[in-house]
Amino acid sequence: EFRRVLFTWDSSPACKKALKLIGETGASPKVVRLDDPWDKGNVMRAALGRLTGKSSVPSIWVGGEYIGGCDDGPSDEAPGLVPMAFRGTLREKLEAAGALDIGSMREAPAAPGAAH
C-alpha cells in the first residue's frame, strides 16, 4: 500500500519543488515517473487526467485521495501541496493517512516566548 504517491516528470520544476517540499514534512513518497518509459507514462497521465480533471504534473495523492498538484489544484478539497502547507492541513492529511515516516513524528518546537 502506498500512502503517498507523486506522479512526476523528471524535468519538471514543479515536480522537483513538490518532491522537496513533501520531503521536508518527513514523508518519503512513492515516485512514479510518467516520462520513463514514455509509452506507459503517457497512458497513465491520460488516465490521471480523466480521474482528476488535470493532466498536469505533479499529481499528488495522499491516503488514496488526490490533493492536487504542487501550487494548485482543481477544488477546495484538492487545493495542491503548497496551499495545504500554508493552511496547516498538509501535515494533518499526511498523519491521518499514516504517511509520515516514524522519525518525523516528533512535535514541532514551541514558539519563542510560548508557555511550557
N, C-alpha and C. Protein backbone atom coordinates (compact mmCIF):
# COMPACT_ATOMS: atom_id res chain seq x y z
N GLU A 1 0.85 -1.18 0.00
CA GLU A 1 0.00 0.00 0.00
C GLU A 1 0.89 1.24 0.00
N PHE A 2 0.55 2.18 -0.85
CA PHE A 2 1.30 3.43 -0.92
C PHE A 2 0.44 4.54 -0.36
N ARG A 3 0.89 5.15 0.70
CA ARG A 3 0.10 6.17 1.38
C ARG A 3 0.36 7.56 0.85
N ARG A 4 1.43 7.71 0.09
CA ARG A 4 1.72 8.99 -0.56
C ARG A 4 2.40 8.68 -1.87
N VAL A 5 1.81 9.18 -2.95
CA VAL A 5 2.33 8.90 -4.28
C VAL A 5 2.40 10.21 -5.06
N LEU A 6 3.52 10.41 -5.72
CA LEU A 6 3.67 11.55 -6.61
C LEU A 6 3.93 11.02 -8.01
N PHE A 7 3.07 11.42 -8.93
CA PHE A 7 3.27 11.13 -10.34
C PHE A 7 4.02 12.32 -10.89
N THR A 8 5.21 12.09 -11.44
CA THR A 8 6.10 13.18 -11.80
C THR A 8 6.62 13.10 -13.22
N TRP A 9 7.28 14.15 -13.60
CA TRP A 9 8.00 14.29 -14.85
C TRP A 9 9.38 14.75 -14.43
N ASP A 10 10.41 14.03 -14.77
CA ASP A 10 11.75 14.27 -14.25
C ASP A 10 12.26 15.69 -14.48
N SER A 11 11.95 16.30 -15.63
CA SER A 11 12.49 17.62 -15.93
C SER A 11 11.58 18.77 -15.47
N SER A 12 10.48 18.46 -14.80
CA SER A 12 9.53 19.49 -14.38
C SER A 12 9.98 20.21 -13.12
N PRO A 13 10.12 21.55 -13.17
CA PRO A 13 10.47 22.30 -11.96
C PRO A 13 9.41 22.15 -10.86
N ALA A 14 8.13 22.08 -11.23
CA ALA A 14 7.07 21.92 -10.23
C ALA A 14 7.18 20.56 -9.53
N CYS A 15 7.56 19.53 -10.28
CA CYS A 15 7.73 18.20 -9.68
C CYS A 15 8.91 18.20 -8.72
N LYS A 16 10.00 18.83 -9.10
CA LYS A 16 11.17 18.91 -8.23
C LYS A 16 10.83 19.66 -6.94
N LYS A 17 10.07 20.76 -7.08
CA LYS A 17 9.66 21.55 -5.93
C LYS A 17 8.76 20.72 -5.00
N ALA A 18 7.80 20.00 -5.58
CA ALA A 18 6.89 19.17 -4.78
C ALA A 18 7.64 18.08 -4.02
N LEU A 19 8.59 17.44 -4.68
CA LEU A 19 9.38 16.39 -4.02
C LEU A 19 10.16 16.96 -2.85
N LYS A 20 10.73 18.14 -3.03
CA LYS A 20 11.49 18.79 -1.97
C LYS A 20 10.57 19.14 -0.80
N LEU A 21 9.43 19.75 -1.11
CA LEU A 21 8.51 20.18 -0.05
C LEU A 21 7.93 19.01 0.73
N ILE A 22 7.51 17.97 0.04
CA ILE A 22 6.93 16.83 0.76
C ILE A 22 8.01 16.10 1.56
N GLY A 23 9.24 16.12 1.06
CA GLY A 23 10.35 15.53 1.80
C GLY A 23 10.61 16.28 3.10
N GLU A 24 10.37 17.60 3.10
CA GLU A 24 10.58 18.40 4.30
C GLU A 24 9.55 18.09 5.39
N THR A 25 8.45 17.47 5.03
CA THR A 25 7.44 17.08 6.03
C THR A 25 7.85 15.80 6.76
N GLY A 26 8.82 15.09 6.20
CA GLY A 26 9.22 13.82 6.77
C GLY A 26 8.64 12.63 6.04
N ALA A 27 7.85 12.90 5.01
CA ALA A 27 7.26 11.82 4.22
C ALA A 27 8.20 11.44 3.08
N SER A 28 8.24 10.17 2.77
CA SER A 28 9.01 9.67 1.63
C SER A 28 8.02 9.06 0.64
N PRO A 29 7.64 9.82 -0.38
CA PRO A 29 6.61 9.32 -1.29
C PRO A 29 7.10 8.27 -2.27
N LYS A 30 6.18 7.48 -2.74
CA LYS A 30 6.42 6.61 -3.88
C LYS A 30 6.38 7.53 -5.09
N VAL A 31 7.43 7.54 -5.88
CA VAL A 31 7.51 8.39 -7.07
C VAL A 31 7.28 7.54 -8.31
N VAL A 32 6.31 7.95 -9.10
CA VAL A 32 6.03 7.27 -10.37
C VAL A 32 6.35 8.25 -11.48
N ARG A 33 7.40 7.95 -12.22
CA ARG A 33 7.80 8.83 -13.33
C ARG A 33 6.95 8.53 -14.56
N LEU A 34 6.32 9.57 -15.07
CA LEU A 34 5.45 9.42 -16.23
C LEU A 34 6.21 9.61 -17.54
N ASP A 35 7.47 9.98 -17.45
CA ASP A 35 8.26 10.19 -18.67
C ASP A 35 9.27 9.07 -18.92
N ASP A 36 9.23 8.02 -18.10
CA ASP A 36 10.19 6.93 -18.28
C ASP A 36 9.58 5.61 -17.82
N PRO A 37 9.12 4.77 -18.68
CA PRO A 37 9.13 4.91 -20.14
C PRO A 37 7.92 5.73 -20.62
N TRP A 38 8.15 6.49 -21.65
CA TRP A 38 7.17 7.42 -22.18
C TRP A 38 5.87 6.72 -22.60
N ASP A 39 5.98 5.58 -23.26
CA ASP A 39 4.78 4.93 -23.79
C ASP A 39 3.83 4.50 -22.67
N LYS A 40 4.33 4.06 -21.54
CA LYS A 40 3.48 3.69 -20.41
C LYS A 40 3.04 4.92 -19.61
N GLY A 41 3.96 5.84 -19.42
CA GLY A 41 3.65 7.05 -18.65
C GLY A 41 2.60 7.92 -19.31
N ASN A 42 2.63 8.00 -20.63
CA ASN A 42 1.65 8.81 -21.35
C ASN A 42 0.23 8.27 -21.13
N VAL A 43 0.08 6.96 -21.11
CA VAL A 43 -1.22 6.33 -20.86
C VAL A 43 -1.67 6.62 -19.42
N MET A 44 -0.74 6.52 -18.46
CA MET A 44 -1.07 6.81 -17.06
C MET A 44 -1.46 8.27 -16.88
N ARG A 45 -0.73 9.16 -17.56
CA ARG A 45 -1.03 10.59 -17.44
C ARG A 45 -2.43 10.90 -17.98
N ALA A 46 -2.81 10.27 -19.07
CA ALA A 46 -4.15 10.45 -19.62
C ALA A 46 -5.21 9.94 -18.63
N ALA A 47 -4.94 8.80 -18.00
CA ALA A 47 -5.87 8.24 -17.02
C ALA A 47 -6.00 9.17 -15.80
N LEU A 48 -4.88 9.72 -15.34
CA LEU A 48 -4.92 10.67 -14.23
C LEU A 48 -5.74 11.89 -14.59
N GLY A 49 -5.60 12.36 -15.82
CA GLY A 49 -6.38 13.49 -16.29
C GLY A 49 -7.88 13.20 -16.25
N ARG A 50 -8.25 12.00 -16.64
CA ARG A 50 -9.67 11.62 -16.59
C ARG A 50 -10.17 11.53 -15.15
N LEU A 51 -9.34 11.04 -14.24
CA LEU A 51 -9.73 10.90 -12.83
C LEU A 51 -9.84 12.25 -12.11
N THR A 52 -8.91 13.14 -12.40
CA THR A 52 -8.79 14.37 -11.61
C THR A 52 -9.24 15.63 -12.33
N GLY A 53 -9.36 15.56 -13.64
CA GLY A 53 -9.67 16.77 -14.40
C GLY A 53 -8.44 17.60 -14.71
N LYS A 54 -7.27 17.11 -14.30
CA LYS A 54 -6.00 17.80 -14.57
C LYS A 54 -4.98 16.78 -15.05
N SER A 55 -4.34 17.09 -16.17
CA SER A 55 -3.31 16.18 -16.66
C SER A 55 -1.91 16.71 -16.38
N SER A 56 -1.82 17.83 -15.66
CA SER A 56 -0.52 18.40 -15.35
C SER A 56 0.16 17.59 -14.25
N VAL A 57 1.47 17.75 -14.16
CA VAL A 57 2.25 17.09 -13.13
C VAL A 57 2.91 18.15 -12.26
N PRO A 58 3.15 17.83 -11.00
CA PRO A 58 2.93 16.55 -10.37
C PRO A 58 1.45 16.32 -10.05
N SER A 59 1.11 15.07 -9.94
CA SER A 59 -0.21 14.65 -9.48
C SER A 59 0.04 13.98 -8.13
N ILE A 60 -0.44 14.61 -7.06
CA ILE A 60 -0.08 14.18 -5.71
C ILE A 60 -1.27 13.52 -5.03
N TRP A 61 -1.02 12.34 -4.49
CA TRP A 61 -2.05 11.53 -3.83
C TRP A 61 -1.59 11.19 -2.43
N VAL A 62 -2.47 11.35 -1.45
CA VAL A 62 -2.17 11.01 -0.06
C VAL A 62 -3.33 10.17 0.47
N GLY A 63 -3.02 9.00 0.98
CA GLY A 63 -4.05 8.12 1.52
C GLY A 63 -5.10 7.74 0.49
N GLY A 64 -4.68 7.63 -0.77
CA GLY A 64 -5.60 7.26 -1.83
C GLY A 64 -6.45 8.39 -2.36
N GLU A 65 -6.24 9.61 -1.84
CA GLU A 65 -7.00 10.77 -2.28
C GLU A 65 -6.10 11.75 -3.02
N TYR A 66 -6.63 12.29 -4.10
CA TYR A 66 -5.92 13.31 -4.88
C TYR A 66 -5.94 14.62 -4.12
N ILE A 67 -4.76 15.22 -3.90
CA ILE A 67 -4.71 16.51 -3.20
C ILE A 67 -4.35 17.66 -4.13
N GLY A 68 -4.12 17.37 -5.40
CA GLY A 68 -3.79 18.42 -6.36
C GLY A 68 -2.37 18.30 -6.85
N GLY A 69 -1.88 19.42 -7.36
CA GLY A 69 -0.51 19.49 -7.86
C GLY A 69 0.38 20.15 -6.82
N CYS A 70 1.42 20.81 -7.27
CA CYS A 70 2.33 21.46 -6.33
C CYS A 70 1.73 22.77 -5.81
N ASP A 71 1.43 23.69 -6.73
CA ASP A 71 0.99 25.03 -6.34
C ASP A 71 -0.52 25.22 -6.36
N ASP A 72 -1.25 24.31 -6.97
CA ASP A 72 -2.70 24.48 -7.06
C ASP A 72 -3.38 23.15 -7.29
N GLY A 73 -4.68 23.21 -7.28
CA GLY A 73 -5.49 22.03 -7.52
C GLY A 73 -6.84 22.44 -8.05
N PRO A 74 -7.67 21.47 -8.38
CA PRO A 74 -8.94 21.77 -9.03
C PRO A 74 -10.08 22.16 -8.09
N SER A 75 -9.91 22.01 -6.76
CA SER A 75 -11.03 22.26 -5.86
C SER A 75 -10.52 22.58 -4.46
N ASP A 76 -11.45 22.97 -3.59
CA ASP A 76 -11.09 23.22 -2.19
C ASP A 76 -10.64 21.94 -1.49
N GLU A 77 -11.19 20.80 -1.94
CA GLU A 77 -10.81 19.51 -1.35
C GLU A 77 -9.44 19.05 -1.85
N ALA A 78 -9.03 19.54 -3.00
CA ALA A 78 -7.73 19.19 -3.59
C ALA A 78 -7.05 20.47 -4.04
N PRO A 79 -6.60 21.30 -3.07
CA PRO A 79 -6.07 22.61 -3.41
C PRO A 79 -4.61 22.62 -3.87
N GLY A 80 -3.89 21.53 -3.66
CA GLY A 80 -2.48 21.49 -4.00
C GLY A 80 -1.61 21.46 -2.76
N LEU A 81 -0.38 21.05 -2.95
CA LEU A 81 0.57 20.86 -1.86
C LEU A 81 0.89 22.16 -1.12
N VAL A 82 1.27 23.20 -1.84
CA VAL A 82 1.66 24.47 -1.20
C VAL A 82 0.48 25.11 -0.46
N PRO A 83 -0.71 25.22 -1.09
CA PRO A 83 -1.83 25.78 -0.33
C PRO A 83 -2.17 24.98 0.93
N MET A 84 -2.06 23.66 0.87
CA MET A 84 -2.33 22.85 2.06
C MET A 84 -1.30 23.13 3.15
N ALA A 85 -0.05 23.31 2.75
CA ALA A 85 1.01 23.61 3.73
C ALA A 85 0.74 24.96 4.39
N PHE A 86 0.34 25.96 3.60
CA PHE A 86 0.06 27.28 4.17
C PHE A 86 -1.17 27.27 5.07
N ARG A 87 -2.15 26.46 4.75
CA ARG A 87 -3.36 26.36 5.58
C ARG A 87 -3.13 25.52 6.83
N GLY A 88 -2.03 24.81 6.87
CA GLY A 88 -1.74 23.95 8.01
C GLY A 88 -2.46 22.62 7.94
N THR A 89 -2.93 22.23 6.76
CA THR A 89 -3.67 20.97 6.63
C THR A 89 -2.85 19.84 6.03
N LEU A 90 -1.67 20.14 5.48
CA LEU A 90 -0.87 19.11 4.83
C LEU A 90 -0.39 18.06 5.83
N ARG A 91 0.21 18.50 6.90
CA ARG A 91 0.73 17.55 7.89
C ARG A 91 -0.41 16.72 8.48
N GLU A 92 -1.56 17.37 8.75
CA GLU A 92 -2.73 16.64 9.25
C GLU A 92 -3.14 15.53 8.28
N LYS A 93 -3.17 15.86 6.99
CA LYS A 93 -3.56 14.89 5.97
C LYS A 93 -2.57 13.73 5.94
N LEU A 94 -1.29 14.04 5.99
CA LEU A 94 -0.26 13.00 5.99
C LEU A 94 -0.36 12.13 7.23
N GLU A 95 -0.59 12.74 8.39
CA GLU A 95 -0.71 11.98 9.63
C GLU A 95 -1.95 11.07 9.58
N ALA A 96 -3.07 11.61 9.13
CA ALA A 96 -4.31 10.83 9.07
C ALA A 96 -4.17 9.62 8.15
N ALA A 97 -3.36 9.77 7.10
CA ALA A 97 -3.15 8.68 6.15
C ALA A 97 -2.05 7.72 6.60
N GLY A 98 -1.39 8.04 7.73
CA GLY A 98 -0.26 7.21 8.17
C GLY A 98 0.90 7.32 7.21
N ALA A 99 1.05 8.52 6.61
CA ALA A 99 2.02 8.70 5.54
C ALA A 99 3.32 9.35 5.98
N LEU A 100 3.48 9.60 7.26
CA LEU A 100 4.74 10.18 7.73
C LEU A 100 5.67 9.08 8.19
N ASP A 101 6.94 9.26 7.93
CA ASP A 101 7.93 8.29 8.38
C ASP A 101 8.05 8.39 9.90
N ILE A 102 8.38 7.30 10.55
CA ILE A 102 8.44 7.22 12.02
C ILE A 102 9.30 8.33 12.62
N GLY A 103 10.45 8.61 12.05
CA GLY A 103 11.36 9.62 12.59
C GLY A 103 10.83 11.03 12.51
N SER A 104 9.79 11.27 11.71
CA SER A 104 9.27 12.62 11.55
C SER A 104 8.10 12.90 12.49
N MET A 105 7.77 11.96 13.37
CA MET A 105 6.59 12.11 14.21
C MET A 105 6.85 12.92 15.47
N ARG A 106 7.98 13.57 15.57
CA ARG A 106 8.25 14.40 16.75
C ARG A 106 7.42 15.69 16.66
N GLU A 107 7.18 16.28 17.83
CA GLU A 107 6.39 17.51 17.86
C GLU A 107 7.22 18.68 17.37
N ALA A 108 6.51 19.67 16.83
CA ALA A 108 7.18 20.89 16.39
C ALA A 108 7.66 21.64 17.62
N PRO A 109 8.78 22.36 17.52
CA PRO A 109 9.26 23.12 18.68
C PRO A 109 8.27 24.21 19.04
N ALA A 110 8.23 24.58 20.32
CA ALA A 110 7.34 25.64 20.78
C ALA A 110 7.81 26.98 20.23
N ALA A 111 6.87 27.87 20.00
CA ALA A 111 7.20 29.19 19.51
C ALA A 111 7.96 29.94 20.59
N PRO A 112 8.88 30.84 20.21
CA PRO A 112 9.61 31.62 21.22
C PRO A 112 8.65 32.36 22.12
N GLY A 113 8.88 32.30 23.43
CA GLY A 113 8.03 33.00 24.39
C GLY A 113 6.78 32.25 24.76
N ALA A 114 6.56 31.09 24.19
CA ALA A 114 5.35 30.31 24.50
C ALA A 114 5.50 29.66 25.86
N ALA A 115 4.39 29.51 26.56
CA ALA A 115 4.41 28.84 27.86
C ALA A 115 4.71 27.37 27.68
N HIS A 116 5.45 26.79 28.60
CA HIS A 116 5.81 25.37 28.53
C HIS A 116 5.03 24.57 29.51
